[in-house]
């Protein structure tokens, strides 16, 4: 299964992992990518 990161997802459900500055759902990780490092190892995703 491909791992797909959706950055700035809002309410969008495309992807397998979700990151946004505002966590709108329990599966969305709150992260401000302008000041924080993404909470995943390098080369973890197949698609961003």
PDB file of N, CA and C in Angstrom:
ATOM      1  N   UNK A   1       0.841  -1.180   0.000  1.00  0.00           N
ATOM      2  CA  UNK A   1       0.000   0.000   0.000  1.00  0.00           C
ATOM      3  C   UNK A   1       0.891   1.250   0.000  1.00  0.00           C
ATOM      4  N   UNK A   2       0.568   2.194  -0.880  1.00  0.00           N
ATOM      5  CA  UNK A   2       1.314   3.439  -0.951  1.00  0.00           C
ATOM      6  C   UNK A   2       1.024   4.294   0.276  1.00  0.00           C
ATOM      7  N   UNK A   3       2.053   4.973   0.767  1.00  0.00           N
ATOM      8  CA  UNK A   3       1.880   5.933   1.861  1.00  0.00           C
ATOM      9  C   UNK A   3       1.855   7.329   1.243  1.00  0.00           C
ATOM     10  N   UNK A   4       0.731   8.032   1.426  1.00  0.00           N
ATOM     11  CA  UNK A   4       0.532   9.342   0.815  1.00  0.00           C
ATOM     12  C   UNK A   4       0.304  10.372   1.910  1.00  0.00           C
ATOM     13  N   UNK A   5       1.152  11.401   1.940  1.00  0.00           N
ATOM     14  CA  UNK A   5       1.030  12.481   2.916  1.00  0.00           C
ATOM     15  C   UNK A   5       0.274  13.638   2.293  1.00  0.00           C
ATOM     16  N   UNK A   6      -0.756  14.092   2.967  1.00  0.00           N
ATOM     17  CA  UNK A   6      -1.532  15.246   2.540  1.00  0.00           C
ATOM     18  C   UNK A   6      -1.226  16.380   3.525  1.00  0.00           C
ATOM     19  N   UNK A   7      -0.421  17.351   3.088  1.00  0.00           N
ATOM     20  CA  UNK A   7      -0.041  18.487   3.929  1.00  0.00           C
ATOM     21  C   UNK A   7      -1.002  19.632   3.652  1.00  0.00           C
ATOM     22  N   UNK A   8      -1.563  20.216   4.712  1.00  0.00           N
ATOM     23  CA  UNK A   8      -2.555  21.276   4.546  1.00  0.00           C
ATOM     24  C   UNK A   8      -3.880  20.710   4.090  1.00  0.00           C
ATOM     25  N   UNK A   9      -4.244  19.576   4.652  1.00  0.00           N
ATOM     26  CA  UNK A   9      -5.387  18.797   4.174  1.00  0.00           C
ATOM     27  C   UNK A   9      -6.745  19.416   4.452  1.00  0.00           C
ATOM     28  N   UNK A  10      -6.863  20.213   5.519  1.00  0.00           N
ATOM     29  CA  UNK A  10      -8.188  20.735   5.869  1.00  0.00           C
ATOM     30  C   UNK A  10      -9.153  19.585   6.083  1.00  0.00           C
ATOM     31  N   UNK A  11     -10.239  19.568   5.342  1.00  0.00           N
ATOM     32  CA  UNK A  11     -11.221  18.478   5.439  1.00  0.00           C
ATOM     33  C   UNK A  11     -11.041  17.433   4.341  1.00  0.00           C
ATOM     34  N   UNK A  12     -10.007  17.601   3.502  1.00  0.00           N
ATOM     35  CA  UNK A  12      -9.749  16.676   2.403  1.00  0.00           C
ATOM     36  C   UNK A  12      -9.392  15.292   2.944  1.00  0.00           C
ATOM     37  N   UNK A  13      -9.836  14.257   2.275  1.00  0.00           N
ATOM     38  CA  UNK A  13      -9.583  12.893   2.736  1.00  0.00           C
ATOM     39  C   UNK A  13      -8.654  12.124   1.807  1.00  0.00           C
ATOM     40  N   UNK A  14      -8.040  12.804   0.811  1.00  0.00           N
ATOM     41  CA  UNK A  14      -7.097  12.127  -0.079  1.00  0.00           C
ATOM     42  C   UNK A  14      -5.794  11.882   0.669  1.00  0.00           C
ATOM     43  N   UNK A  15      -5.334  10.666   0.685  1.00  0.00           N
ATOM     44  CA  UNK A  15      -4.067  10.317   1.312  1.00  0.00           C
ATOM     45  C   UNK A  15      -4.239   9.286   2.405  1.00  0.00           C
ATOM     46  N   UNK A  16      -3.099   8.903   2.985  1.00  0.00           N
ATOM     47  CA  UNK A  16      -3.107   7.937   4.079  1.00  0.00           C
ATOM     48  C   UNK A  16      -2.692   8.579   5.396  1.00  0.00           C
ATOM     49  N   UNK A  17      -1.985   9.729   5.313  1.00  0.00           N
ATOM     50  CA  UNK A  17      -1.539  10.476   6.487  1.00  0.00           C
ATOM     51  C   UNK A  17      -1.857  11.947   6.247  1.00  0.00           C
ATOM     52  N   UNK A  18      -2.262  12.647   7.306  1.00  0.00           N
ATOM     53  CA  UNK A  18      -2.745  14.010   7.159  1.00  0.00           C
ATOM     54  C   UNK A  18      -2.065  14.944   8.145  1.00  0.00           C
ATOM     55  N   UNK A  19      -1.659  16.125   7.649  1.00  0.00           N
ATOM     56  CA  UNK A  19      -1.014  17.135   8.482  1.00  0.00           C
ATOM     57  C   UNK A  19      -1.629  18.478   8.136  1.00  0.00           C
ATOM     58  N   UNK A  20      -1.943  19.253   9.157  1.00  0.00           N
ATOM     59  CA  UNK A  20      -2.467  20.601   8.941  1.00  0.00           C
ATOM     60  C   UNK A  20      -2.150  21.436  10.174  1.00  0.00           C
ATOM     61  N   UNK A  21      -2.142  22.744  10.012  1.00  0.00           N
ATOM     62  CA  UNK A  21      -1.905  23.639  11.147  1.00  0.00           C
ATOM     63  C   UNK A  21      -3.092  23.586  12.124  1.00  0.00           C
ATOM     64  N   UNK A  22      -4.280  23.263  11.590  1.00  0.00           N
ATOM     65  CA  UNK A  22      -5.474  23.092  12.412  1.00  0.00           C
ATOM     66  C   UNK A  22      -5.939  21.651  12.287  1.00  0.00           C
ATOM     67  N   UNK A  23      -5.999  20.955  13.387  1.00  0.00           N
ATOM     68  CA  UNK A  23      -6.429  19.561  13.371  1.00  0.00           C
ATOM     69  C   UNK A  23      -7.951  19.510  13.399  1.00  0.00           C
ATOM     70  N   UNK A  24      -8.557  19.218  12.253  1.00  0.00           N
ATOM     71  CA  UNK A  24     -10.011  19.212  12.137  1.00  0.00           C
ATOM     72  C   UNK A  24     -10.629  17.843  12.408  1.00  0.00           C
ATOM     73  N   UNK A  25      -9.787  16.793  12.378  1.00  0.00           N
ATOM     74  CA  UNK A  25     -10.248  15.430  12.650  1.00  0.00           C
ATOM     75  C   UNK A  25      -9.189  14.731  13.482  1.00  0.00           C
ATOM     76  N   UNK A  26      -9.553  13.647  14.120  1.00  0.00           N
ATOM     77  CA  UNK A  26      -8.613  12.955  15.008  1.00  0.00           C
ATOM     78  C   UNK A  26      -7.408  12.391  14.253  1.00  0.00           C
ATOM     79  N   UNK A  27      -7.550  12.057  12.964  1.00  0.00           N
ATOM     80  CA  UNK A  27      -6.435  11.487  12.209  1.00  0.00           C
ATOM     81  C   UNK A  27      -5.495  12.553  11.626  1.00  0.00           C
ATOM     82  N   UNK A  28      -5.832  13.836  11.791  1.00  0.00           N
ATOM     83  CA  UNK A  28      -4.990  14.925  11.299  1.00  0.00           C
ATOM     84  C   UNK A  28      -3.983  15.317  12.380  1.00  0.00           C
ATOM     85  N   UNK A  29      -2.706  15.252  12.029  1.00  0.00           N
ATOM     86  CA  UNK A  29      -1.650  15.649  12.960  1.00  0.00           C
ATOM     87  C   UNK A  29      -1.455  17.154  12.850  1.00  0.00           C
ATOM     88  N   UNK A  30      -1.502  17.836  13.992  1.00  0.00           N
ATOM     89  CA  UNK A  30      -1.320  19.282  14.008  1.00  0.00           C
ATOM     90  C   UNK A  30       0.169  19.585  13.894  1.00  0.00           C
ATOM     91  N   UNK A  31       0.538  20.338  12.845  1.00  0.00           N
ATOM     92  CA  UNK A  31       1.939  20.676  12.616  1.00  0.00           C
ATOM     93  C   UNK A  31       2.002  21.933  11.756  1.00  0.00           C
ATOM     94  N   UNK A  32       2.724  22.938  12.215  1.00  0.00           N
ATOM     95  CA  UNK A  32       2.973  24.143  11.428  1.00  0.00           C
ATOM     96  C   UNK A  32       4.272  23.908  10.674  1.00  0.00           C
ATOM     97  N   UNK A  33       4.182  23.532   9.411  1.00  0.00           N
ATOM     98  CA  UNK A  33       5.361  23.141   8.646  1.00  0.00           C
ATOM     99  C   UNK A  33       6.323  24.304   8.398  1.00  0.00           C
ATOM    100  N   UNK A  34       5.894  25.543   8.663  1.00  0.00           N
ATOM    101  CA  UNK A  34       6.793  26.686   8.525  1.00  0.00           C
ATOM    102  C   UNK A  34       7.784  26.769   9.683  1.00  0.00           C
ATOM    103  N   UNK A  35       7.430  26.179  10.834  1.00  0.00           N
ATOM    104  CA  UNK A  35       8.306  26.281  12.008  1.00  0.00           C
ATOM    105  C   UNK A  35       8.636  24.937  12.654  1.00  0.00           C
ATOM    106  N   UNK A  36       7.946  23.862  12.257  1.00  0.00           N
ATOM    107  CA  UNK A  36       8.174  22.547  12.846  1.00  0.00           C
ATOM    108  C   UNK A  36       8.595  21.544  11.779  1.00  0.00           C
ATOM    109  N   UNK A  37       9.368  20.570  12.183  1.00  0.00           N
ATOM    110  CA  UNK A  37       9.728  19.462  11.308  1.00  0.00           C
ATOM    111  C   UNK A  37       8.553  18.480  11.272  1.00  0.00           C
ATOM    112  N   UNK A  38       8.286  17.928  10.113  1.00  0.00           N
ATOM    113  CA  UNK A  38       7.230  16.923  10.015  1.00  0.00           C
ATOM    114  C   UNK A  38       7.565  15.731  10.906  1.00  0.00           C
ATOM    115  N   UNK A  39       6.569  15.163  11.573  1.00  0.00           N
ATOM    116  CA  UNK A  39       6.819  14.072  12.524  1.00  0.00           C
ATOM    117  C   UNK A  39       6.956  12.694  11.876  1.00  0.00           C
ATOM    118  N   UNK A  40       7.683  12.633  10.781  1.00  0.00           N
ATOM    119  CA  UNK A  40       7.898  11.381  10.054  1.00  0.00           C
ATOM    120  C   UNK A  40       9.362  11.314   9.634  1.00  0.00           C
ATOM    121  N   UNK A  41       9.919  10.125   9.513  1.00  0.00           N
ATOM    122  CA  UNK A  41      11.307  10.002   9.050  1.00  0.00           C
ATOM    123  C   UNK A  41      11.432  10.400   7.572  1.00  0.00           C
ATOM    124  N   UNK A  42      12.619  10.766   7.155  1.00  0.00           N
ATOM    125  CA  UNK A  42      12.883  11.072   5.753  1.00  0.00           C
ATOM    126  C   UNK A  42      12.565   9.862   4.882  1.00  0.00           C
ATOM    127  N   UNK A  43      12.076  10.131   3.695  1.00  0.00           N
ATOM    128  CA  UNK A  43      11.768   9.104   2.689  1.00  0.00           C
ATOM    129  C   UNK A  43      10.715   8.098   3.140  1.00  0.00           C
ATOM    130  N   UNK A  44       9.833   8.497   4.040  1.00  0.00           N
ATOM    131  CA  UNK A  44       8.794   7.617   4.559  1.00  0.00           C
ATOM    132  C   UNK A  44       7.628   7.456   3.579  1.00  0.00           C
ATOM    133  N   UNK A  45       7.348   8.513   2.804  1.00  0.00           N
ATOM    134  CA  UNK A  45       6.159   8.522   1.941  1.00  0.00           C
ATOM    135  C   UNK A  45       6.488   8.234   0.486  1.00  0.00           C
ATOM    136  N   UNK A  46       5.532   7.634  -0.189  1.00  0.00           N
ATOM    137  CA  UNK A  46       5.634   7.385  -1.625  1.00  0.00           C
ATOM    138  C   UNK A  46       5.189   8.612  -2.415  1.00  0.00           C
ATOM    139  N   UNK A  47       4.300   9.403  -1.812  1.00  0.00           N
ATOM    140  CA  UNK A  47       3.742  10.581  -2.495  1.00  0.00           C
ATOM    141  C   UNK A  47       3.409  11.636  -1.456  1.00  0.00           C
ATOM    142  N   UNK A  48       3.679  12.899  -1.793  1.00  0.00           N
ATOM    143  CA  UNK A  48       3.342  14.018  -0.892  1.00  0.00           C
ATOM    144  C   UNK A  48       2.522  15.006  -1.682  1.00  0.00           C
TER     145      UNK A  48
END
